[in-house]
Protein backbone atom coordinates (compact mmCIF):
# COMPACT_ATOMS: atom_id res chain seq x y z
CA MET A 1 12.42 87.05 33.22
CA LYS A 2 15.54 88.41 31.50
CA VAL A 3 16.23 86.65 28.22
CA GLU A 4 20.02 86.37 27.90
CA ASN A 5 21.90 86.49 24.62
CA LEU A 6 22.85 83.18 23.06
CA THR A 7 25.96 82.31 21.11
CA ASP A 8 25.49 80.99 17.57
CA CYS A 9 26.08 77.42 18.75
CA GLU A 10 23.69 77.78 21.70
CA GLU A 11 21.11 79.17 19.29
CA VAL A 12 21.39 76.09 17.04
CA VAL A 13 20.94 73.72 19.97
CA MET A 14 18.07 75.74 21.41
CA LYS A 15 16.35 75.87 17.99
CA ALA A 16 16.69 72.08 17.81
CA VAL A 17 14.97 71.76 21.21
CA TRP A 18 12.23 74.17 20.13
CA ASP A 19 11.62 71.99 17.05
CA PHE A 20 10.38 69.11 19.22
CA ASP A 21 6.74 68.67 20.25
CA LYS A 22 7.88 66.96 23.45
CA GLU A 23 10.66 67.27 25.98
CA PRO A 24 13.64 65.69 24.18
CA VAL A 25 16.50 63.62 25.54
CA LEU A 26 20.14 64.30 24.69
CA SER A 27 20.38 61.67 21.94
CA GLU A 28 17.36 63.16 20.14
CA VAL A 29 18.83 66.66 20.29
CA VAL A 30 22.21 65.41 18.98
CA GLU A 31 20.55 63.60 16.07
CA HIS A 32 18.35 66.58 15.21
CA VAL A 33 21.18 69.15 15.38
CA ASN A 34 23.41 67.06 13.14
CA LYS A 35 20.73 66.02 10.65
CA THR A 36 18.71 69.24 10.40
CA TYR A 37 21.36 71.89 10.97
CA GLY A 38 24.28 70.19 9.20
CA LYS A 39 26.52 69.78 12.22
CA GLU A 40 28.79 66.89 13.09
CA TRP A 41 28.77 67.42 16.84
CA ALA A 42 29.50 64.70 19.35
CA PRO A 43 27.04 64.10 22.18
CA GLN A 44 29.49 65.73 24.62
CA THR A 45 29.50 68.94 22.55
CA VAL A 46 25.71 69.14 22.47
CA SER A 47 25.58 68.26 26.16
CA THR A 48 27.90 71.18 26.92
CA TYR A 49 25.64 73.62 25.05
CA LEU A 50 22.55 72.17 26.73
CA ALA A 51 24.21 72.71 30.14
CA LYS A 52 24.88 76.33 29.22
CA LEU A 53 21.24 76.75 28.19
CA VAL A 54 20.19 75.33 31.56
CA ARG A 55 22.48 77.83 33.33
CA LYS A 56 21.00 80.67 31.25
CA GLU A 57 17.53 79.41 32.26
CA TYR A 58 16.34 78.66 28.74
CA LEU A 59 15.92 75.00 29.69
CA LYS A 60 15.38 72.88 32.76
CA LEU A 61 16.93 69.43 33.06
CA GLN A 62 14.33 67.02 34.40
CA ARG A 63 14.81 63.47 35.60
CA THR A 64 12.13 60.84 35.31
CA GLY A 65 13.52 57.57 36.58
CA ARG A 66 16.73 57.07 34.65
CA ILE A 67 15.73 59.37 31.79
CA TYR A 68 16.78 63.03 31.61
CA THR A 69 14.73 65.37 29.44
CA TYR A 70 14.95 69.06 28.65
CA LYS A 71 11.95 71.27 29.44
CA ILE A 72 11.67 74.60 27.63
CA LEU A 73 11.54 77.63 29.92
CA VAL A 74 11.90 80.35 27.23
CA LYS A 75 9.56 80.00 24.26
CA GLU A 76 10.85 80.41 20.73
CA GLU A 77 8.50 83.34 20.14
CA THR A 78 9.94 85.15 23.17
CA TYR A 79 13.48 84.76 21.87
CA ARG A 80 12.55 85.81 18.31
CA ARG A 81 10.79 88.88 19.71
CA LYS A 82 13.95 89.79 21.64
CA LEU A 83 16.02 89.46 18.46
CA TYR A 84 13.86 91.61 16.24
CA LYS A 85 13.26 94.24 18.94
CA HIS A 86 17.02 94.51 19.45
CA HIS A 87 17.58 94.76 15.71
CA ILE A 88 14.98 97.48 15.26
CA SER A 89 16.25 99.36 18.31
CA PHE A 90 19.93 99.17 17.38
CA TRP A 91 19.85 99.43 13.58
CA ASN A 92 16.67 101.45 13.02
CA ASP A 93 16.66 103.72 16.09
CA ASP A 94 13.43 102.14 17.37
CA ASN A 95 11.63 103.06 14.16
CA ILE A 96 9.72 100.04 12.89
CA LEU A 97 8.56 101.95 9.81
CA ASP A 98 12.19 102.45 8.75
CA PHE A 99 12.74 98.73 9.27
CA ILE A 100 9.74 97.83 7.10
CA LYS A 101 10.75 100.38 4.44
CA GLU A 102 14.21 98.81 4.37
CA MET A 103 12.64 95.36 3.91
CA ILE A 104 10.54 96.66 1.01
CA ASP A 105 13.48 98.49 -0.60
CA ASN A 106 15.60 95.33 -0.38
CA GLY A 107 12.86 93.15 -1.84
CA ASP A 108 12.51 91.14 1.36
CA LEU A 109 8.88 92.21 1.73
CA THR A 110 6.84 92.18 -1.47
CA LYS A 111 3.59 93.91 -2.38
CA ALA A 112 1.90 90.50 -2.16
CA ASP A 113 3.26 90.16 1.39
CA LEU A 114 1.90 93.59 2.31
CA LYS A 115 -1.48 92.74 0.78
CA ALA A 116 -1.60 89.49 2.75
CA LEU A 117 -0.71 91.36 5.94
CA SER A 118 -3.37 93.99 5.38
CA SER A 119 -6.06 91.35 4.95
CA LYS A 120 -5.36 89.81 8.38
């Protein structure tokens, strides 16, 4: 399965769907996007982004009686992996050690973080 790129707005809506422990309905996604991610989007706006996510095969629209829910087809971990692999490939020439060194040099990864990682 090819994981397509998402726009910033599609990413916000998809993250909101990933945040649920169940298959959400439109009204739940709208409320969550606006409350959690500081948006003031109308249901039609969120519905448009959800439709785009269905077309990109991140979600599947399911009907149960009169209720429509959104089923996740691409897991959050899969998308995050795509993002960091692209970042490392593009900005660090596929060198993960350079990426980690950059994180350490910038203070994004502390010695305590490294110690915690080494104990896992």
